[in-house]
């Protein structure tokens, strides 16, 4: 990972703003900029120098991992460490300094505390989501890690199919998948595994429960892994037993809508247009009212990150962006269907990263 290039790019952005420095507190952004993977860290990106603040627990790790910043071990809290650093730098200087903060990631209480701790002449101001915007476009190293995570995650569906049967609890299927993931080298799951059967398959985020899987219904399997810091996300829906005609029709409609949306993914197209393509396909089938969530989202160091692939969103796709395409239809009290793949925007269109078949499957 070229952390120095990322820092340089953000510093160039800072030069065009009113900020003298940026205080990066959101840990995925910290990792993106300097490589630190621990749970306590703040990166101060300055005009000419960068400082990384952490506590004594991460002294060794920070010195090993952090690139492009001086490591400072805070004696008290990290916010105290930041304030003490500014106090030391301000001695003998009268110039006011404006520090940009990640307002969406710093609590009101933390901001007030930092305001109280900082010396006079140093003020905090909400900054834009510059780091998140940079993270939307993945570089070569990131794409390689994402591909590896997707490939590993896809193998979990094979394990799900091997154990998914009537009478088996949803949580037991999830446990088999998660155990397989850890044995295969995953750091952890991207999110709590969703195995939702029967009426619970109509819950878009129906986490695996103690419910036993029954015949004559759908099971939505939504899962992903984190590998070398990067997430995967995939959904497949299977039928248990002999399928009904309306089940096949619903599945075919979702599969068609997903493919139409994938076909719409290319540089220069807005994410809102991709969402509209999926909805148009479901409208033709008379099912669009049952599609109750957005068509997708960005994936990378976080399972949900920019851009949001939803109605009215104007972000334009660029090569290197990685998004999910995951339309679904949900019939409360009956069942639901969702199909999800990860795709990477390429120069000429997109690359579908998920290798798993989307054929109608029964168990």
Protein backbone atom coordinates (compact mmCIF):
# COMPACT_ATOMS: atom_id res chain seq x y z
CA UNK A 1 0.00 0.00 0.00
CA UNK A 2 1.37 3.40 -0.98
CA UNK A 3 0.50 5.32 2.20
CA UNK A 4 2.85 8.19 1.41
CA UNK A 5 1.07 8.82 -1.90
CA UNK A 6 -2.28 8.83 -0.11
CA UNK A 7 -1.02 11.33 2.45
CA UNK A 8 0.45 13.52 -0.29
CA UNK A 9 -2.84 13.55 -2.17
CA UNK A 10 -4.79 14.52 0.94
CA UNK A 11 -2.21 17.18 1.84
CA UNK A 12 -2.63 18.66 -1.65
CA UNK A 13 -6.37 18.74 -1.01
CA UNK A 14 -5.81 20.49 2.32
CA UNK A 15 -3.80 23.17 0.55
CA UNK A 16 -6.96 24.18 -1.33
CA UNK A 17 -9.03 24.50 1.86
CA UNK A 18 -9.17 26.75 4.90
CA UNK A 19 -7.63 24.09 7.15
CA UNK A 20 -4.08 24.01 8.46
CA UNK A 21 -4.32 20.33 9.35
CA UNK A 22 -6.79 17.44 9.48
CA UNK A 23 -7.46 15.36 12.58
CA UNK A 24 -8.34 11.84 11.40
CA UNK A 25 -10.17 9.89 14.11
CA UNK A 26 -12.15 7.29 12.14
CA UNK A 27 -10.03 4.14 12.41
CA UNK A 28 -10.65 2.86 8.84
CA UNK A 29 -9.48 6.27 7.58
CA UNK A 30 -6.46 6.11 9.87
CA UNK A 31 -5.59 2.67 8.50
CA UNK A 32 -6.06 3.85 4.93
CA UNK A 33 -3.67 6.75 5.42
CA UNK A 34 -0.88 5.27 7.53
CA UNK A 35 -1.39 1.50 7.94
CA UNK A 36 -2.23 1.28 11.65
CA UNK A 37 -4.60 -1.63 12.43
CA UNK A 38 -5.12 -1.22 16.18
CA UNK A 39 -8.18 0.02 18.05
CA UNK A 40 -6.81 3.30 19.44
CA UNK A 41 -5.26 5.87 17.16
CA UNK A 42 -5.59 9.43 15.85
CA UNK A 43 -3.66 10.77 12.87
CA UNK A 44 -2.90 14.47 12.59
CA UNK A 45 -2.16 15.25 8.98
CA UNK A 46 -0.36 18.59 8.86
CA UNK A 47 1.02 20.98 6.29
CA UNK A 48 4.55 19.59 6.56
CA UNK A 49 4.54 16.83 9.18
CA UNK A 50 2.20 14.13 10.42
CA UNK A 51 1.78 12.84 13.95
CA UNK A 52 0.13 9.59 14.98
CA UNK A 53 -1.23 9.45 18.53
CA UNK A 54 -1.86 6.18 20.35
CA UNK A 55 -1.54 4.76 23.87
CA UNK A 56 1.13 2.59 25.47
CA UNK A 57 -0.66 -0.64 24.53
CA UNK A 58 0.18 0.03 20.89
CA UNK A 59 3.69 1.44 21.30
CA UNK A 60 5.44 -1.46 19.55
CA UNK A 61 2.69 -2.05 16.99
CA UNK A 62 2.49 1.62 16.01
CA UNK A 63 6.24 1.89 15.48
CA UNK A 64 6.09 -1.24 13.31
CA UNK A 65 3.02 -0.32 11.26
CA UNK A 66 2.69 3.44 10.97
CA UNK A 67 4.16 4.90 7.79
CA UNK A 68 4.65 8.58 7.11
CA UNK A 69 3.97 9.91 10.61
CA UNK A 70 5.84 10.40 13.87
CA UNK A 71 4.44 8.18 16.63
CA UNK A 72 3.44 9.93 19.86
CA UNK A 73 2.40 7.88 22.89
CA UNK A 74 -0.26 9.72 24.88
CA UNK A 75 0.17 9.60 28.65
CA UNK A 76 -3.53 10.07 29.32
CA UNK A 77 -6.23 9.96 26.67
CA UNK A 78 -5.53 10.39 22.97
CA UNK A 79 -7.39 13.71 22.97
CA UNK A 80 -5.18 14.90 25.80
CA UNK A 81 -2.16 13.86 23.75
CA UNK A 82 -3.40 15.86 20.77
CA UNK A 83 -4.02 18.95 22.92
CA UNK A 84 -0.61 18.70 24.62
CA UNK A 85 1.09 18.44 21.22
CA UNK A 86 -0.64 21.61 20.01
CA UNK A 87 0.23 23.40 23.24
CA UNK A 88 3.90 22.52 22.77
CA UNK A 89 3.86 23.59 19.12
CA UNK A 90 2.14 26.90 19.91
CA UNK A 91 4.72 28.19 22.38
CA UNK A 92 6.18 31.34 20.94
CA UNK A 93 3.70 31.44 18.06
CA UNK A 94 0.69 33.72 17.76
CA UNK A 95 -0.83 32.55 14.47
CA UNK A 96 -4.29 31.04 14.75
CA UNK A 97 -4.66 27.53 13.41
CA UNK A 98 -7.80 25.88 12.06
CA UNK A 99 -7.95 22.11 12.39
CA UNK A 100 -10.41 20.10 10.37
CA UNK A 101 -12.20 17.29 12.18
CA UNK A 102 -14.22 14.32 10.92
CA UNK A 103 -17.49 15.60 12.33
CA UNK A 104 -19.41 12.47 11.38
CA UNK A 105 -17.01 10.33 13.44
CA UNK A 106 -16.30 12.57 16.45
CA UNK A 107 -19.01 12.72 19.11
CA UNK A 108 -20.33 16.03 20.43
CA UNK A 109 -18.81 15.18 23.80
CA UNK A 110 -15.39 14.44 22.29
CA UNK A 111 -15.43 17.66 20.27
CA UNK A 112 -16.34 19.72 23.36
CA UNK A 113 -13.64 18.05 25.40
CA UNK A 114 -11.03 18.70 22.72
CA UNK A 115 -12.18 22.33 22.42
CA UNK A 116 -11.69 22.71 26.17
CA UNK A 117 -8.25 21.08 26.09
CA UNK A 118 -6.75 22.91 23.11
CA UNK A 119 -4.77 26.09 23.66
CA UNK A 120 -6.26 29.40 22.61
CA UNK A 121 -5.74 30.18 18.96
CA UNK A 122 -6.40 26.61 17.84
CA UNK A 123 -9.93 26.06 16.66
CA UNK A 124 -11.79 23.07 15.35
CA UNK A 125 -14.01 23.14 12.28
CA UNK A 126 -15.98 20.43 10.54
CA UNK A 127 -14.16 19.14 7.47
CA UNK A 128 -15.51 17.42 4.38
CA UNK A 129 -15.38 13.67 3.86
CA UNK A 130 -12.14 13.95 1.89
CA UNK A 131 -10.70 10.64 3.09
CA UNK A 132 -13.89 8.73 2.36
CA UNK A 133 -13.99 10.22 -1.12
CA UNK A 134 -10.42 9.11 -1.75
CA UNK A 135 -11.27 5.62 -0.47
CA UNK A 136 -14.07 5.22 -3.03
CA UNK A 137 -11.54 4.52 -5.80
CA UNK A 138 -9.44 1.46 -4.99
CA UNK A 139 -5.85 1.13 -6.11
CA UNK A 140 -4.26 -2.03 -7.50
CA UNK A 141 -3.25 -3.39 -4.08
CA UNK A 142 -6.73 -2.82 -2.67
CA UNK A 143 -8.40 -4.53 -5.62
CA UNK A 144 -6.15 -7.57 -5.15
CA UNK A 145 -7.12 -7.82 -1.49
CA UNK A 146 -10.80 -7.38 -2.27
CA UNK A 147 -10.66 -10.10 -4.94
CA UNK A 148 -9.02 -12.46 -2.44
CA UNK A 149 -11.68 -11.70 0.18
CA UNK A 150 -14.46 -12.29 -2.36
CA UNK A 151 -12.96 -15.61 -3.44
CA UNK A 152 -12.63 -16.82 0.14
CA UNK A 153 -16.12 -15.63 1.02
CA UNK A 154 -17.63 -17.43 -1.96
CA UNK A 155 -16.40 -20.80 -0.64
CA UNK A 156 -18.65 -20.37 2.38
CA UNK A 157 -21.74 -20.78 0.25
CA UNK A 158 -20.56 -24.26 -0.68
CA UNK A 159 -20.44 -25.10 3.03
CA UNK A 160 -23.91 -23.63 3.52
CA UNK A 161 -25.35 -25.83 0.79
CA UNK A 162 -23.73 -28.88 2.37
CA UNK A 163 -25.47 -28.41 5.72
CA UNK A 164 -28.66 -26.50 4.84
CA UNK A 165 -31.56 -28.93 5.25
CA UNK A 166 -35.08 -28.96 6.76
CA UNK A 167 -34.83 -29.13 10.54
CA UNK A 168 -31.37 -27.53 10.76
CA UNK A 169 -31.29 -24.28 12.74
CA UNK A 170 -30.34 -21.10 10.93
CA UNK A 171 -27.68 -20.37 13.52
CA UNK A 172 -26.08 -23.78 12.95
CA UNK A 173 -25.71 -23.07 9.24
CA UNK A 174 -24.14 -19.71 10.06
CA UNK A 175 -21.80 -21.35 12.57
CA UNK A 176 -20.56 -23.85 9.98
CA UNK A 177 -19.89 -21.03 7.53
CA UNK A 178 -18.07 -18.88 10.08
CA UNK A 179 -15.94 -21.78 11.31
CA UNK A 180 -15.00 -22.55 7.70
CA UNK A 181 -14.09 -18.91 7.18
CA UNK A 182 -11.74 -18.78 10.14
CA UNK A 183 -10.14 -22.09 9.18
CA UNK A 184 -9.53 -20.64 5.70
CA UNK A 185 -7.73 -17.58 7.08
CA UNK A 186 -10.43 -14.93 7.43
CA UNK A 187 -9.76 -12.36 10.15
CA UNK A 188 -13.46 -12.24 10.96
CA UNK A 189 -16.83 -11.95 9.26
CA UNK A 190 -17.68 -8.67 7.55
CA UNK A 191 -20.95 -8.59 9.52
CA UNK A 192 -23.12 -11.03 11.50
CA UNK A 193 -24.04 -13.78 9.04
CA UNK A 194 -27.60 -13.65 7.73
CA UNK A 195 -29.34 -16.99 7.34
CA UNK A 196 -33.03 -16.13 7.17
CA UNK A 197 -35.62 -18.77 6.29
CA UNK A 198 -39.37 -18.82 5.81
CA UNK A 199 -41.11 -15.59 6.82
CA UNK A 200 -37.79 -14.37 8.20
CA UNK A 201 -36.38 -14.27 4.66
CA UNK A 202 -38.63 -11.24 4.14
CA UNK A 203 -36.43 -9.39 6.66
CA UNK A 204 -33.61 -7.81 4.64
CA UNK A 205 -31.27 -8.03 7.65
CA UNK A 206 -32.62 -11.15 9.35
CA UNK A 207 -29.59 -12.42 11.25
CA UNK A 208 -29.33 -16.17 11.84
CA UNK A 209 -31.65 -17.26 14.64
CA UNK A 210 -32.60 -20.40 16.53
CA UNK A 211 -35.40 -21.01 14.03
CA UNK A 212 -35.31 -24.40 12.32
CA UNK A 213 -35.36 -24.31 8.53
CA UNK A 214 -38.58 -25.68 7.06
CA UNK A 215 -39.40 -27.09 3.63
CA UNK A 216 -41.40 -25.12 1.08
CA UNK A 217 -39.73 -21.74 1.45
CA UNK A 218 -36.72 -19.57 0.62
CA UNK A 219 -33.55 -19.17 2.69
CA UNK A 220 -31.59 -15.94 2.21
CA UNK A 221 -27.86 -16.40 2.84
CA UNK A 222 -25.99 -13.08 3.16
CA UNK A 223 -22.39 -13.26 4.32
CA UNK A 224 -18.87 -11.95 3.92
CA UNK A 225 -15.36 -12.10 5.34
CA UNK A 226 -12.56 -9.71 6.16
CA UNK A 227 -9.19 -10.67 4.73
CA UNK A 228 -6.14 -8.44 5.16
CA UNK A 229 -8.47 -5.66 6.26
CA UNK A 230 -10.80 -5.75 3.23
CA UNK A 231 -14.40 -6.95 3.19
CA UNK A 232 -16.46 -9.17 0.95
CA UNK A 233 -20.24 -9.26 0.67
CA UNK A 234 -22.42 -11.80 -1.12
CA UNK A 235 -26.03 -12.97 -1.02
CA UNK A 236 -27.61 -16.08 -2.48
CA UNK A 237 -31.16 -17.31 -1.96
CA UNK A 238 -32.06 -21.00 -2.14
CA UNK A 239 -35.35 -22.88 -2.04
CA UNK A 240 -35.94 -25.78 0.34
CA UNK A 241 -37.95 -28.65 -1.15
CA UNK A 242 -40.03 -28.62 -4.34
CA UNK A 243 -40.37 -25.04 -5.61
CA UNK A 244 -43.66 -23.34 -6.41
CA UNK A 245 -44.24 -21.42 -9.62
CA UNK A 246 -44.54 -18.05 -7.86
CA UNK A 247 -41.23 -18.73 -6.13
CA UNK A 248 -39.49 -19.31 -9.45
CA UNK A 249 -41.06 -16.19 -10.94
CA UNK A 250 -39.96 -14.02 -8.01
CA UNK A 251 -36.43 -15.40 -8.18
CA UNK A 252 -36.21 -14.90 -11.95
CA UNK A 253 -37.42 -11.32 -11.55
CA UNK A 254 -34.73 -10.50 -8.98
CA UNK A 255 -32.04 -12.21 -11.04
CA UNK A 256 -33.08 -10.23 -14.13
CA UNK A 257 -33.13 -6.95 -12.19
CA UNK A 258 -29.69 -7.66 -10.82
CA UNK A 259 -28.25 -8.41 -14.25
CA UNK A 260 -29.82 -5.28 -15.75
CA UNK A 261 -28.25 -3.21 -12.97
CA UNK A 262 -24.85 -4.86 -13.48
CA UNK A 263 -25.09 -4.11 -17.19
CA UNK A 264 -25.62 -0.44 -16.32
CA UNK A 265 -22.37 -0.19 -14.33
CA UNK A 266 -19.69 1.70 -16.24
CA UNK A 267 -17.63 4.88 -15.88
CA UNK A 268 -19.63 8.08 -16.23
CA UNK A 269 -22.93 6.56 -15.08
CA UNK A 270 -24.37 7.80 -11.80
CA UNK A 271 -25.14 5.35 -9.01
CA UNK A 272 -28.72 6.62 -9.12
CA UNK A 273 -29.00 5.41 -12.71
CA UNK A 274 -27.82 1.93 -11.66
CA UNK A 275 -30.48 1.85 -8.96
CA UNK A 276 -33.10 3.04 -11.46
CA UNK A 277 -32.18 0.21 -13.86
CA UNK A 278 -32.92 -2.42 -11.22
CA UNK A 279 -36.20 -0.76 -10.27
CA UNK A 280 -37.30 -0.46 -13.87
CA UNK A 281 -36.82 -4.20 -14.38
CA UNK A 282 -38.86 -4.99 -11.27
CA UNK A 283 -41.53 -2.49 -12.32
CA UNK A 284 -42.06 -4.46 -15.53
CA UNK A 285 -42.67 -7.53 -13.39
CA UNK A 286 -45.07 -5.68 -11.08
CA UNK A 287 -42.77 -6.23 -8.10
CA UNK A 288 -41.03 -2.91 -7.55
CA UNK A 289 -43.13 -2.08 -4.47
CA UNK A 290 -41.60 -5.14 -2.81
CA UNK A 291 -38.05 -3.80 -3.34
CA UNK A 292 -37.62 -1.84 -0.12
CA UNK A 293 -33.93 -0.94 0.11
CA UNK A 294 -31.16 0.55 -2.02
CA UNK A 295 -29.55 -1.41 -4.85
CA UNK A 296 -26.09 -1.44 -3.32
CA UNK A 297 -23.18 0.25 -1.59
CA UNK A 298 -19.44 0.62 -1.71
CA UNK A 299 -17.23 -2.01 -0.06
CA UNK A 300 -13.61 -1.84 1.06
CA UNK A 301 -12.09 -1.39 4.50
CA UNK A 302 -15.70 -1.14 5.69
CA UNK A 303 -18.61 -3.30 4.68
CA UNK A 304 -20.74 -0.22 3.97
CA UNK A 305 -18.93 2.77 2.53
CA UNK A 306 -19.40 5.34 -0.20
CA UNK A 307 -20.88 5.44 -2.73
CA UNK A 308 -24.47 4.53 -1.89
CA UNK A 309 -26.21 2.99 -4.90
CA UNK A 310 -29.67 4.39 -4.33
CA UNK A 311 -32.43 6.46 -5.92
CA UNK A 312 -31.47 10.08 -6.50
CA UNK A 313 -27.76 9.61 -5.69
CA UNK A 314 -25.58 11.56 -8.13
CA UNK A 315 -22.11 10.15 -7.49
CA UNK A 316 -20.60 9.21 -10.84
CA UNK A 317 -18.90 5.83 -11.19
CA UNK A 318 -15.17 5.81 -11.86
CA UNK A 319 -12.74 2.97 -12.62
CA UNK A 320 -11.58 1.38 -9.38
CA UNK A 321 -14.83 1.81 -7.48
CA UNK A 322 -16.17 -1.40 -5.92
CA UNK A 323 -19.89 -1.67 -5.23
CA UNK A 324 -22.51 -4.29 -4.52
CA UNK A 325 -25.54 -4.92 -6.73
CA UNK A 326 -28.22 -6.50 -4.55
CA UNK A 327 -31.87 -6.03 -5.49
CA UNK A 328 -34.46 -8.05 -3.62
CA UNK A 329 -38.19 -8.52 -3.19
CA UNK A 330 -39.85 -9.14 0.15
CA UNK A 331 -43.31 -10.39 1.00
CA UNK A 332 -43.89 -9.92 4.77
CA UNK A 333 -45.16 -13.04 6.47
CA UNK A 334 -44.32 -15.17 3.41
CA UNK A 335 -40.72 -15.05 2.10
CA UNK A 336 -38.11 -12.91 0.39
CA UNK A 337 -35.44 -13.16 -2.33
CA UNK A 338 -32.17 -11.27 -2.68
CA UNK A 339 -29.17 -11.81 -4.99
CA UNK A 340 -25.96 -9.87 -4.41
CA UNK A 341 -22.61 -9.65 -6.16
CA UNK A 342 -19.65 -7.34 -5.77
CA UNK A 343 -18.50 -5.58 -8.94
CA UNK A 344 -15.46 -3.42 -9.72
CA UNK A 345 -15.86 -0.56 -12.16
CA UNK A 346 -13.40 -0.94 -15.04
CA UNK A 347 -12.41 1.32 -17.93
CA UNK A 348 -14.92 -0.34 -20.24
CA UNK A 349 -17.70 -1.37 -17.88
CA UNK A 350 -17.36 -3.55 -14.83
CA UNK A 351 -15.91 -6.81 -13.55
CA UNK A 352 -18.18 -9.10 -11.54
CA UNK A 353 -15.97 -10.27 -8.69
CA UNK A 354 -18.32 -12.84 -7.15
CA UNK A 355 -17.76 -16.26 -8.78
CA UNK A 356 -20.80 -18.10 -7.41
CA UNK A 357 -23.57 -19.29 -9.74
CA UNK A 358 -26.89 -17.47 -9.59
CA UNK A 359 -28.96 -20.37 -10.92
CA UNK A 360 -32.16 -21.16 -9.03
CA UNK A 361 -31.00 -23.71 -6.43
CA UNK A 362 -33.03 -26.13 -4.35
CA UNK A 363 -31.92 -28.26 -1.42
